[in-house]
Amino acid sequence: MVDLDTFVTTVYVLADDYCKAHEQCPAQPGRAPSLDMAEVITLAMVSQWAPFGSERGFYRSAQQHLRPAFPTLPDRAQFNRLVRQQVGPITRFALHLADGLCGSQVDFEILDCTAVRTRNAKRRGHGWLVGWTAIGRSNRLGWYEGLKLLLAVTRSGVIRGFGAGTATADDRALAETLFVVRERGDPRLPSVGRAATDIYVADGGFASYLRQILWREELDVCLLAPPQGTLNAWPKALKRRLVRLRQIIETVNERLLFPFRLDAERPHELTGFNARLAAKVALHNVCIWLNRSLGRPGLAIADLIDW
């Protein structure tokens, strides 16, 4: 367990070392930003903790308690603009942490989709994210309006790739996008990360006999997912083995949704949502790194900070 000041300092040191080694700050006209890149990344990550209640609550706390560490802290609107501007570095930092935590020892990755509600599905009108969200159904929420989050996670819980589509997006289409971008590259989607293995494990929602053959032949990807229906059904013992392998991603989803407030997201703008999502993923991977350095279980997040 560490106190909040120690946690903030540790995160800042990690972010500053990364920015100095991997990021370049292009010269821009006008006044320099009030916070540098590492400071923005640090505050964006720390602001995702649930004990703050909201980003407004975090900012009130930061103005009272973090001003000595961040003396040039701007007003909240300017800070939010800085976070949106740094969505790329925040995303790359999150995946850089994943590379350091995993190295080359990745046997397989686990894929899963989870619902992210952005608005009450019963409200009238179109809301803020017109064209980006839709009304879909999930086992956890029932009918909801929002997005669908795809995660690629290692067996130890490290997030190596992520992305979001509409609530009605097909799980297999999201997975195929991840496979293709990892194979061929696309600077517009840096959050998918790098391929560290060609073996993926998923539930039946990702199963497709023809697509799995196509992925194997064209992308060298082997997806293990139990077929839906009774045709070519897997033995029960094999299904139970798959459930055990996938259990870790349910824990990861729970960490993002509640301790890091993903379930409370009500975004008005897509870039802001992407920046906060990247900050949550980075915070998750930082917590694993810190827990390991303290000799604690990687996903023991609830009692990591002495609030």
C-alpha atoms as a PDB file:
ATOM      1  CA  MET A   1       0.000   0.000   0.000  1.00  0.00           C
ATOM      2  CA  VAL A   2       1.286   3.461  -0.901  1.00  0.00           C
ATOM      3  CA  ASP A   3       0.008   6.954  -0.172  1.00  0.00           C
ATOM      4  CA  LEU A   4      -1.386   9.094  -2.976  1.00  0.00           C
ATOM      5  CA  ASP A   5       1.615  11.447  -3.134  1.00  0.00           C
ATOM      6  CA  THR A   6       3.995   8.515  -3.585  1.00  0.00           C
ATOM      7  CA  PHE A   7       1.753   7.056  -6.265  1.00  0.00           C
ATOM      8  CA  VAL A   8       1.593  10.358  -8.170  1.00  0.00           C
ATOM      9  CA  THR A   9       5.370  10.759  -7.973  1.00  0.00           C
ATOM     10  CA  THR A  10       5.946   7.213  -9.208  1.00  0.00           C
ATOM     11  CA  VAL A  11       3.577   7.669 -12.127  1.00  0.00           C
ATOM     12  CA  TYR A  12       5.209  10.974 -13.058  1.00  0.00           C
ATOM     13  CA  VAL A  13       8.698   9.451 -13.058  1.00  0.00           C
ATOM     14  CA  LEU A  14       7.522   6.617 -15.319  1.00  0.00           C
ATOM     15  CA  ALA A  15       5.758   9.035 -17.676  1.00  0.00           C
ATOM     16  CA  ASP A  16       8.683  11.476 -17.756  1.00  0.00           C
ATOM     17  CA  ASP A  17      11.205   8.725 -18.547  1.00  0.00           C
ATOM     18  CA  TYR A  18       8.961   7.472 -21.336  1.00  0.00           C
ATOM     19  CA  CYS A  19       8.398  10.926 -22.844  1.00  0.00           C
ATOM     20  CA  LYS A  20      12.113  11.756 -22.851  1.00  0.00           C
ATOM     21  CA  ALA A  21      12.969   8.479 -24.561  1.00  0.00           C
ATOM     22  CA  HIS A  22      10.071   8.020 -27.003  1.00  0.00           C
ATOM     23  CA  GLU A  23       8.088  11.207 -27.567  1.00  0.00           C
ATOM     24  CA  GLN A  24       8.984  14.453 -29.280  1.00  0.00           C
ATOM     25  CA  CYS A  25       7.159  17.674 -28.543  1.00  0.00           C
ATOM     26  CA  PRO A  26       6.809  19.598 -31.840  1.00  0.00           C
ATOM     27  CA  ALA A  27       7.334  23.330 -31.642  1.00  0.00           C
ATOM     28  CA  GLN A  28       4.061  25.234 -31.703  1.00  0.00           C
ATOM     29  CA  PRO A  29       3.383  28.946 -32.123  1.00  0.00           C
ATOM     30  CA  GLY A  30       2.197  30.948 -29.169  1.00  0.00           C
ATOM     31  CA  ARG A  31       2.702  30.388 -25.465  1.00  0.00           C
ATOM     32  CA  ALA A  32       4.019  27.087 -24.189  1.00  0.00           C
ATOM     33  CA  PRO A  33       1.441  24.794 -22.532  1.00  0.00           C
ATOM     34  CA  SER A  34       1.096  25.230 -18.795  1.00  0.00           C
ATOM     35  CA  LEU A  35       1.803  21.507 -18.269  1.00  0.00           C
ATOM     36  CA  ASP A  36       4.364  19.389 -20.083  1.00  0.00           C
ATOM     37  CA  MET A  37       3.494  16.051 -21.671  1.00  0.00           C
ATOM     38  CA  ALA A  38       4.522  13.913 -18.687  1.00  0.00           C
ATOM     39  CA  GLU A  39       2.487  16.063 -16.305  1.00  0.00           C
ATOM     40  CA  VAL A  40      -0.605  15.773 -18.505  1.00  0.00           C
ATOM     41  CA  ILE A  41      -0.209  11.988 -18.765  1.00  0.00           C
ATOM     42  CA  THR A  42       0.234  11.687 -14.999  1.00  0.00           C
ATOM     43  CA  LEU A  43      -2.784  13.796 -14.081  1.00  0.00           C
ATOM     44  CA  ALA A  44      -4.950  12.179 -16.750  1.00  0.00           C
ATOM     45  CA  MET A  45      -4.214   8.755 -15.254  1.00  0.00           C
ATOM     46  CA  VAL A  46      -4.619   9.715 -11.607  1.00  0.00           C
ATOM     47  CA  SER A  47      -7.941  11.439 -12.354  1.00  0.00           C
ATOM     48  CA  GLN A  48      -9.530   8.103 -13.322  1.00  0.00           C
ATOM     49  CA  TRP A  49      -9.635   6.690  -9.793  1.00  0.00           C
ATOM     50  CA  ALA A  50     -13.159   6.102  -8.485  1.00  0.00           C
ATOM     51  CA  PRO A  51     -12.563   7.647  -5.002  1.00  0.00           C
ATOM     52  CA  PHE A  52     -12.522  11.087  -6.656  1.00  0.00           C
ATOM     53  CA  GLY A  53     -16.122  10.491  -7.780  1.00  0.00           C
ATOM     54  CA  SER A  54     -15.725  12.391 -11.044  1.00  0.00           C
ATOM     55  CA  GLU A  55     -13.160  14.392 -12.956  1.00  0.00           C
ATOM     56  CA  ARG A  56     -14.634  17.538 -11.415  1.00  0.00           C
ATOM     57  CA  GLY A  57     -14.045  16.006  -7.984  1.00  0.00           C
ATOM     58  CA  PHE A  58     -10.490  15.079  -8.937  1.00  0.00           C
ATOM     59  CA  TYR A  59      -9.749  18.607 -10.069  1.00  0.00           C
ATOM     60  CA  ARG A  60     -10.975  20.105  -6.821  1.00  0.00           C
ATOM     61  CA  SER A  61      -8.703  17.698  -4.966  1.00  0.00           C
ATOM     62  CA  ALA A  62      -5.763  18.441  -7.279  1.00  0.00           C
ATOM     63  CA  GLN A  63      -6.099  22.182  -6.717  1.00  0.00           C
ATOM     64  CA  GLN A  64      -6.039  21.639  -2.955  1.00  0.00           C
ATOM     65  CA  HIS A  65      -3.425  18.886  -2.594  1.00  0.00           C
ATOM     66  CA  LEU A  66      -1.348  18.563  -5.787  1.00  0.00           C
ATOM     67  CA  ARG A  67      -0.572  22.230  -6.434  1.00  0.00           C
ATOM     68  CA  PRO A  68       2.951  21.953  -4.855  1.00  0.00           C
ATOM     69  CA  ALA A  69       3.818  19.139  -7.284  1.00  0.00           C
ATOM     70  CA  PHE A  70       2.150  20.839 -10.275  1.00  0.00           C
ATOM     71  CA  PRO A  71       2.517  24.598  -9.636  1.00  0.00           C
ATOM     72  CA  THR A  72       1.391  25.542 -13.171  1.00  0.00           C
ATOM     73  CA  LEU A  73      -1.871  23.621 -12.938  1.00  0.00           C
ATOM     74  CA  PRO A  74      -4.334  25.474 -15.216  1.00  0.00           C
ATOM     75  CA  ASP A  75      -8.100  25.781 -14.894  1.00  0.00           C
ATOM     76  CA  ARG A  76     -10.120  22.640 -15.520  1.00  0.00           C
ATOM     77  CA  ALA A  77     -11.255  23.524 -19.054  1.00  0.00           C
ATOM     78  CA  GLN A  78      -7.684  24.102 -20.200  1.00  0.00           C
ATOM     79  CA  PHE A  79      -6.540  20.901 -18.522  1.00  0.00           C
ATOM     80  CA  ASN A  80      -9.235  18.944 -20.376  1.00  0.00           C
ATOM     81  CA  ARG A  81      -8.023  20.436 -23.674  1.00  0.00           C
ATOM     82  CA  LEU A  82      -4.465  19.390 -22.875  1.00  0.00           C
ATOM     83  CA  VAL A  83      -5.610  15.834 -22.142  1.00  0.00           C
ATOM     84  CA  ARG A  84      -7.470  15.630 -25.460  1.00  0.00           C
ATOM     85  CA  GLN A  85      -4.388  16.906 -27.280  1.00  0.00           C
ATOM     86  CA  GLN A  86      -2.253  14.172 -25.716  1.00  0.00           C
ATOM     87  CA  VAL A  87      -4.478  11.192 -26.547  1.00  0.00           C
ATOM     88  CA  GLY A  88      -1.732   9.726 -28.776  1.00  0.00           C
ATOM     89  CA  PRO A  89       1.071   9.861 -26.179  1.00  0.00           C
ATOM     90  CA  ILE A  90      -1.248   8.533 -23.461  1.00  0.00           C
ATOM     91  CA  THR A  91      -2.181   5.582 -25.672  1.00  0.00           C
ATOM     92  CA  ARG A  92       1.435   4.840 -26.605  1.00  0.00           C
ATOM     93  CA  PHE A  93       2.493   5.103 -22.968  1.00  0.00           C
ATOM     94  CA  ALA A  94      -0.152   2.568 -21.939  1.00  0.00           C
ATOM     95  CA  LEU A  95       1.081   0.069 -24.544  1.00  0.00           C
ATOM     96  CA  HIS A  96       4.744   0.814 -23.763  1.00  0.00           C
ATOM     97  CA  LEU A  97       4.024  -0.257 -20.193  1.00  0.00           C
ATOM     98  CA  ALA A  98       2.436  -3.450 -21.517  1.00  0.00           C
ATOM     99  CA  ASP A  99       5.538  -4.264 -23.568  1.00  0.00           C
ATOM    100  CA  GLY A 100       7.734  -3.790 -20.510  1.00  0.00           C
ATOM    101  CA  LEU A 101       5.502  -5.947 -18.315  1.00  0.00           C
ATOM    102  CA  CYS A 102       5.252  -8.798 -20.817  1.00  0.00           C
ATOM    103  CA  GLY A 103       8.544  -8.780 -22.699  1.00  0.00           C
ATOM    104  CA  SER A 104       8.517 -11.598 -25.235  1.00  0.00           C
ATOM    105  CA  GLN A 105       6.833 -14.106 -22.918  1.00  0.00           C
ATOM    106  CA  VAL A 106       3.268 -14.047 -24.258  1.00  0.00           C
ATOM    107  CA  ASP A 107       1.781 -17.502 -24.850  1.00  0.00           C
ATOM    108  CA  PHE A 108      -1.595 -16.192 -25.980  1.00  0.00           C
ATOM    109  CA  GLU A 109      -3.877 -13.199 -25.651  1.00  0.00           C
ATOM    110  CA  ILE A 110      -7.476 -13.234 -24.463  1.00  0.00           C
ATOM    111  CA  LEU A 111     -10.109 -11.247 -26.364  1.00  0.00           C
ATOM    112  CA  ASP A 112     -13.359  -9.997 -24.921  1.00  0.00           C
ATOM    113  CA  CYS A 113     -15.927  -7.266 -25.506  1.00  0.00           C
ATOM    114  CA  THR A 114     -17.728  -5.356 -22.787  1.00  0.00           C
ATOM    115  CA  ALA A 115     -20.529  -2.808 -22.880  1.00  0.00           C
ATOM    116  CA  VAL A 116     -19.781   0.863 -22.167  1.00  0.00           C
ATOM    117  CA  ARG A 117     -22.947   2.884 -21.712  1.00  0.00           C
ATOM    118  CA  THR A 118     -22.727   6.563 -22.548  1.00  0.00           C
ATOM    119  CA  ARG A 119     -26.374   7.559 -22.116  1.00  0.00           C
ATOM    120  CA  ASN A 120     -29.657   6.249 -20.744  1.00  0.00           C
ATOM    121  CA  ALA A 121     -31.134   4.148 -23.550  1.00  0.00           C
ATOM    122  CA  LYS A 122     -34.664   5.366 -22.715  1.00  0.00           C
ATOM    123  CA  ARG A 123     -33.904   9.048 -23.225  1.00  0.00           C
ATOM    124  CA  ARG A 124     -35.290  10.768 -26.291  1.00  0.00           C
ATOM    125  CA  GLY A 125     -33.203  12.519 -28.894  1.00  0.00           C
ATOM    126  CA  HIS A 126     -29.808  11.674 -30.327  1.00  0.00           C
ATOM    127  CA  GLY A 127     -27.474  12.659 -27.513  1.00  0.00           C
ATOM    128  CA  TRP A 128     -23.921  13.869 -27.985  1.00  0.00           C
ATOM    129  CA  LEU A 129     -22.115  11.131 -29.908  1.00  0.00           C
ATOM    130  CA  VAL A 130     -24.421  10.908 -32.916  1.00  0.00           C
ATOM    131  CA  GLY A 131     -23.127   8.335 -35.389  1.00  0.00           C
ATOM    132  CA  TRP A 132     -20.636   6.872 -32.923  1.00  0.00           C
ATOM    133  CA  THR A 133     -22.974   5.198 -30.439  1.00  0.00           C
ATOM    134  CA  ALA A 134     -25.974   2.907 -30.858  1.00  0.00           C
ATOM    135  CA  ILE A 135     -28.463   0.948 -28.787  1.00  0.00           C
ATOM    136  CA  GLY A 136     -27.327  -2.607 -28.208  1.00  0.00           C
ATOM    137  CA  ARG A 137     -27.754  -5.402 -25.698  1.00  0.00           C
ATOM    138  CA  SER A 138     -25.326  -6.939 -23.239  1.00  0.00           C
ATOM    139  CA  ASN A 139     -25.624  -9.653 -20.617  1.00  0.00           C
ATOM    140  CA  ARG A 140     -24.525  -7.220 -17.904  1.00  0.00           C
ATOM    141  CA  LEU A 141     -26.711  -4.201 -18.724  1.00  0.00           C
ATOM    142  CA  GLY A 142     -29.515  -5.505 -20.900  1.00  0.00           C
ATOM    143  CA  TRP A 143     -30.444  -2.839 -23.448  1.00  0.00           C
ATOM    144  CA  TYR A 144     -28.088   0.114 -23.349  1.00  0.00           C
ATOM    145  CA  GLU A 145     -26.931   3.026 -25.487  1.00  0.00           C
ATOM    146  CA  GLY A 146     -23.227   3.413 -25.955  1.00  0.00           C
ATOM    147  CA  LEU A 147     -20.121   1.671 -27.201  1.00  0.00           C
ATOM    148  CA  LYS A 148     -18.571  -1.769 -27.188  1.00  0.00           C
ATOM    149  CA  LEU A 149     -15.023  -2.055 -25.868  1.00  0.00           C
ATOM    150  CA  LEU A 150     -12.665  -4.726 -27.200  1.00  0.00           C
ATOM    151  CA  LEU A 151      -9.702  -5.734 -25.017  1.00  0.00           C
ATOM    152  CA  ALA A 152      -6.692  -7.940 -25.734  1.00  0.00           C
ATOM    153  CA  VAL A 153      -5.251  -9.116 -22.408  1.00  0.00           C
ATOM    154  CA  THR A 154      -2.443 -11.473 -21.386  1.00  0.00           C
ATOM    155  CA  ARG A 155      -2.936 -14.313 -18.929  1.00  0.00           C
ATOM    156  CA  SER A 156      -1.478 -12.085 -16.169  1.00  0.00           C
ATOM    157  CA  GLY A 157      -4.019  -9.300 -16.833  1.00  0.00           C
ATOM    158  CA  VAL A 158      -1.846  -6.832 -18.772  1.00  0.00           C
ATOM    159  CA  ILE A 159      -3.791  -4.954 -21.470  1.00  0.00           C
ATOM    160  CA  ARG A 160      -1.874  -5.143 -24.758  1.00  0.00           C
ATOM    161  CA  GLY A 161      -4.517  -3.703 -27.074  1.00  0.00           C
ATOM    162  CA  PHE A 162      -7.923  -2.069 -27.011  1.00  0.00           C
ATOM    163  CA  GLY A 163     -10.474  -0.334 -29.173  1.00  0.00           C
ATOM    164  CA  ALA A 164     -14.141   0.627 -29.264  1.00  0.00           C
ATOM    165  CA  GLY A 165     -17.017   0.348 -31.713  1.00  0.00           C
ATOM    166  CA  THR A 166     -20.722   1.011 -31.560  1.00  0.00           C
ATOM    167  CA  ALA A 167     -22.889  -1.077 -29.252  1.00  0.00           C
ATOM    168  CA  THR A 168     -24.200  -3.007 -32.267  1.00  0.00           C
ATOM    169  CA  ALA A 169     -20.750  -3.844 -33.644  1.00  0.00           C
ATOM    170  CA  ASP A 170     -20.130  -7.545 -34.199  1.00  0.00           C
ATOM    171  CA  ASP A 171     -17.455  -9.037 -31.933  1.00  0.00           C
ATOM    172  CA  ARG A 172     -15.862 -10.811 -34.903  1.00  0.00           C
ATOM    173  CA  ALA A 173     -15.645  -7.587 -36.916  1.00  0.00           C
ATOM    174  CA  LEU A 174     -13.892  -5.818 -34.043  1.00  0.00           C
ATOM    175  CA  ALA A 175     -11.476  -8.728 -33.655  1.00  0.00           C
ATOM    176  CA  GLU A 176     -10.764  -8.762 -37.382  1.00  0.00           C
ATOM    177  CA  THR A 177      -9.933  -5.049 -37.291  1.00  0.00           C
ATOM    178  CA  LEU A 178      -7.461  -5.696 -34.486  1.00  0.00           C
ATOM    179  CA  PHE A 179      -5.831  -8.589 -36.374  1.00  0.00           C
ATOM    180  CA  VAL A 180      -5.543  -6.659 -39.636  1.00  0.00           C
ATOM    181  CA  VAL A 181      -4.151  -3.488 -38.063  1.00  0.00           C
ATOM    182  CA  ARG A 182      -1.615  -5.471 -36.061  1.00  0.00           C
ATOM    183  CA  GLU A 183      -0.504  -7.259 -39.220  1.00  0.00           C
ATOM    184  CA  ARG A 184      -0.471  -4.336 -41.653  1.00  0.00           C
ATOM    185  CA  GLY A 185      -0.338  -1.270 -39.432  1.00  0.00           C
ATOM    186  CA  ASP A 186      -2.536   1.825 -39.380  1.00  0.00           C
ATOM    187  CA  PRO A 187      -1.449   5.042 -37.636  1.00  0.00           C
ATOM    188  CA  ARG A 188      -5.107   5.958 -37.106  1.00  0.00           C
ATOM    189  CA  LEU A 189      -5.534   3.064 -34.663  1.00  0.00           C
ATOM    190  CA  PRO A 190      -2.499   3.002 -32.354  1.00  0.00           C
ATOM    191  CA  SER A 191      -4.479   1.497 -29.483  1.00  0.00           C
ATOM    192  CA  VAL A 192      -4.553  -2.014 -30.993  1.00  0.00           C
ATOM    193  CA  GLY A 193      -0.912  -2.485 -30.001  1.00  0.00           C
ATOM    194  CA  ARG A 194       1.626  -4.917 -31.417  1.00  0.00           C
ATOM    195  CA  ALA A 195       1.173  -8.624 -31.967  1.00  0.00           C
ATOM    196  CA  ALA A 196       3.240 -10.631 -29.472  1.00  0.00           C
ATOM    197  CA  THR A 197       1.652 -13.964 -30.363  1.00  0.00           C
ATOM    198  CA  ASP A 198      -0.477 -15.500 -33.083  1.00  0.00           C
ATOM    199  CA  ILE A 199      -2.768 -17.343 -30.643  1.00  0.00           C
ATOM    200  CA  TYR A 200      -5.917 -15.725 -29.241  1.00  0.00           C
ATOM    201  CA  VAL A 201      -8.547 -17.140 -26.889  1.00  0.00           C
ATOM    202  CA  ALA A 202     -12.131 -15.879 -26.916  1.00  0.00           C
ATOM    203  CA  ASP A 203     -15.717 -16.857 -26.136  1.00  0.00           C
ATOM    204  CA  GLY A 204     -18.327 -18.138 -28.570  1.00  0.00           C
ATOM    205  CA  GLY A 205     -19.276 -14.630 -29.718  1.00  0.00           C
ATOM    206  CA  PHE A 206     -16.023 -14.504 -31.706  1.00  0.00           C
ATOM    207  CA  ALA A 207     -16.411 -17.931 -33.302  1.00  0.00           C
ATOM    208  CA  SER A 208     -16.824 -18.161 -37.066  1.00  0.00           C
ATOM    209  CA  TYR A 209     -15.629 -21.236 -38.938  1.00  0.00           C
ATOM    210  CA  LEU A 210     -14.997 -19.433 -42.238  1.00  0.00           C
ATOM    211  CA  ARG A 211     -13.447 -16.340 -40.663  1.00  0.00           C
ATOM    212  CA  GLN A 212     -11.165 -18.392 -38.450  1.00  0.00           C
ATOM    213  CA  ILE A 213      -9.858 -20.219 -41.502  1.00  0.00           C
ATOM    214  CA  LEU A 214      -9.400 -16.922 -43.338  1.00  0.00           C
ATOM    215  CA  TRP A 215      -7.573 -15.351 -40.404  1.00  0.00           C
ATOM    216  CA  ARG A 216      -5.274 -18.347 -40.211  1.00  0.00           C
ATOM    217  CA  GLU A 217      -4.450 -18.330 -43.913  1.00  0.00           C
ATOM    218  CA  GLU A 218      -4.128 -14.576 -44.536  1.00  0.00           C
ATOM    219  CA  LEU A 219      -3.096 -13.134 -41.159  1.00  0.00           C
ATOM    220  CA  ASP A 220      -1.437 -16.144 -39.478  1.00  0.00           C
ATOM    221  CA  VAL A 221      -3.835 -15.788 -36.543  1.00  0.00           C
ATOM    222  CA  CYS A 222      -5.151 -18.777 -34.608  1.00  0.00           C
ATOM    223  CA  LEU A 223      -8.347 -17.940 -32.720  1.00  0.00           C
ATOM    224  CA  LEU A 224      -9.582 -20.496 -30.201  1.00  0.00           C
ATOM    225  CA  ALA A 225     -13.294 -20.004 -29.546  1.00  0.00           C
ATOM    226  CA  PRO A 226     -16.006 -22.621 -28.941  1.00  0.00           C
ATOM    227  CA  PRO A 227     -18.429 -22.848 -31.890  1.00  0.00           C
ATOM    228  CA  GLN A 228     -21.994 -21.786 -31.220  1.00  0.00           C
ATOM    229  CA  GLY A 229     -24.715 -24.400 -31.564  1.00  0.00           C
ATOM    230  CA  THR A 230     -24.391 -28.164 -31.475  1.00  0.00           C
ATOM    231  CA  LEU A 231     -22.497 -28.617 -34.760  1.00  0.00           C
ATOM    232  CA  ASN A 232     -18.838 -29.382 -34.033  1.00  0.00           C
ATOM    233  CA  ALA A 233     -19.460 -28.629 -30.357  1.00  0.00           C
ATOM    234  CA  TRP A 234     -16.445 -28.845 -28.072  1.00  0.00           C
ATOM    235  CA  PRO A 235     -16.281 -31.422 -25.256  1.00  0.00           C
ATOM    236  CA  LYS A 236     -17.320 -30.057 -21.860  1.00  0.00           C
ATOM    237  CA  ALA A 237     -13.838 -30.517 -20.424  1.00  0.00           C
ATOM    238  CA  LEU A 238     -12.359 -28.346 -23.168  1.00  0.00           C
ATOM    239  CA  LYS A 239     -15.010 -25.669 -22.626  1.00  0.00           C
ATOM    240  CA  ARG A 240     -14.252 -25.611 -18.892  1.00  0.00           C
ATOM    241  CA  ARG A 241     -10.566 -25.246 -19.672  1.00  0.00           C
ATOM    242  CA  LEU A 242     -11.339 -22.270 -21.914  1.00  0.00           C
ATOM    243  CA  VAL A 243     -13.467 -20.646 -19.208  1.00  0.00           C
ATOM    244  CA  ARG A 244     -10.556 -20.906 -16.765  1.00  0.00           C
ATOM    245  CA  LEU A 245      -8.167 -19.362 -19.273  1.00  0.00           C
ATOM    246  CA  ARG A 246     -10.571 -16.468 -19.944  1.00  0.00           C
ATOM    247  CA  GLN A 247     -11.394 -15.740 -16.299  1.00  0.00           C
ATOM    248  CA  ILE A 248      -8.669 -13.117 -15.994  1.00  0.00           C
ATOM    249  CA  ILE A 249     -10.291 -10.815 -18.549  1.00  0.00           C
ATOM    250  CA  GLU A 250     -13.480 -10.660 -16.486  1.00  0.00           C
ATOM    251  CA  THR A 251     -11.367  -9.293 -13.638  1.00  0.00           C
ATOM    252  CA  VAL A 252      -9.746  -6.747 -15.958  1.00  0.00           C
ATOM    253  CA  ASN A 253     -13.163  -5.594 -17.203  1.00  0.00           C
ATOM    254  CA  GLU A 254     -14.340  -5.153 -13.609  1.00  0.00           C
ATOM    255  CA  ARG A 255     -11.271  -3.034 -12.775  1.00  0.00           C
ATOM    256  CA  LEU A 256     -11.864  -0.701 -15.717  1.00  0.00           C
ATOM    257  CA  LEU A 257     -15.600  -0.408 -15.160  1.00  0.00           C
ATOM    258  CA  PHE A 258     -15.668   0.383 -11.455  1.00  0.00           C
ATOM    259  CA  PRO A 259     -12.349   1.326  -9.748  1.00  0.00           C
ATOM    260  CA  PHE A 260     -11.457   3.343 -12.879  1.00  0.00           C
ATOM    261  CA  ARG A 261     -15.009   4.638 -13.542  1.00  0.00           C
ATOM    262  CA  LEU A 262     -15.496   3.388 -17.100  1.00  0.00           C
ATOM    263  CA  ASP A 263     -19.097   2.501 -16.218  1.00  0.00           C
ATOM    264  CA  ALA A 264     -19.696   6.122 -15.202  1.00  0.00           C
ATOM    265  CA  GLU A 265     -18.531   7.607 -18.519  1.00  0.00           C
ATOM    266  CA  ARG A 266     -21.011  10.006 -20.082  1.00  0.00           C
ATOM    267  CA  PRO A 267     -18.865  11.572 -22.833  1.00  0.00           C
ATOM    268  CA  HIS A 268     -19.870  14.563 -24.919  1.00  0.00           C
ATOM    269  CA  GLU A 269     -16.997  14.250 -27.390  1.00  0.00           C
ATOM    270  CA  LEU A 270     -15.229  11.209 -28.847  1.00  0.00           C
ATOM    271  CA  THR A 271     -11.651  12.474 -28.507  1.00  0.00           C
ATOM    272  CA  GLY A 272     -12.181  13.105 -24.813  1.00  0.00           C
ATOM    273  CA  PHE A 273     -13.578   9.609 -24.349  1.00  0.00           C
ATOM    274  CA  ASN A 274     -10.617   8.079 -26.203  1.00  0.00           C
ATOM    275  CA  ALA A 275      -8.166  10.040 -24.050  1.00  0.00           C
ATOM    276  CA  ARG A 276      -9.846   8.952 -20.810  1.00  0.00           C
ATOM    277  CA  LEU A 277     -10.063   5.342 -22.014  1.00  0.00           C
ATOM    278  CA  ALA A 278      -6.343   5.346 -22.818  1.00  0.00           C
ATOM    279  CA  ALA A 279      -5.660   6.871 -19.387  1.00  0.00           C
ATOM    280  CA  LYS A 280      -7.668   4.084 -17.708  1.00  0.00           C
ATOM    281  CA  VAL A 281      -5.713   1.417 -19.605  1.00  0.00           C
ATOM    282  CA  ALA A 282      -2.421   3.116 -18.716  1.00  0.00           C
ATOM    283  CA  LEU A 283      -3.489   3.354 -15.063  1.00  0.00           C
ATOM    284  CA  HIS A 284      -4.382  -0.342 -15.072  1.00  0.00           C
ATOM    285  CA  ASN A 285      -0.960  -1.328 -16.432  1.00  0.00           C
ATOM    286  CA  VAL A 286       0.833   1.054 -14.037  1.00  0.00           C
ATOM    287  CA  CYS A 287      -0.972  -0.542 -11.091  1.00  0.00           C
ATOM    288  CA  ILE A 288       0.204  -3.984 -12.230  1.00  0.00           C
ATOM    289  CA  TRP A 289       3.778  -2.675 -12.539  1.00  0.00           C
ATOM    290  CA  LEU A 290       3.657  -1.081  -9.083  1.00  0.00           C
ATOM    291  CA  ASN A 291       2.105  -4.139  -7.455  1.00  0.00           C
ATOM    292  CA  ARG A 292       4.815  -6.349  -8.904  1.00  0.00           C
ATOM    293  CA  SER A 293       7.531  -4.010  -7.663  1.00  0.00           C
ATOM    294  CA  LEU A 294       5.985  -4.190  -4.176  1.00  0.00           C
ATOM    295  CA  GLY A 295       5.714  -7.985  -4.271  1.00  0.00           C
ATOM    296  CA  ARG A 296       1.921  -7.900  -4.402  1.00  0.00           C
ATOM    297  CA  PRO A 297      -0.507  -9.680  -6.761  1.00  0.00           C
ATOM    298  CA  GLY A 298      -0.678  -7.726 -10.006  1.00  0.00           C
ATOM    299  CA  LEU A 299      -4.432  -7.107  -9.951  1.00  0.00           C
ATOM    300  CA  ALA A 300      -4.697  -6.229  -6.246  1.00  0.00           C
ATOM    301  CA  ILE A 301      -5.874  -2.695  -6.967  1.00  0.00           C
ATOM    302  CA  ALA A 302      -8.538  -2.066  -4.316  1.00  0.00           C
ATOM    303  CA  ASP A 303      -6.019  -1.631  -1.457  1.00  0.00           C
ATOM    304  CA  LEU A 304      -3.054  -0.334  -3.468  1.00  0.00           C
ATOM    305  CA  ILE A 305      -3.446   3.297  -2.371  1.00  0.00           C
ATOM    306  CA  ASP A 306      -3.962   4.437   1.188  1.00  0.00           C
ATOM    307  CA  TRP A 307      -6.778   6.910   0.577  1.00  0.00           C
END
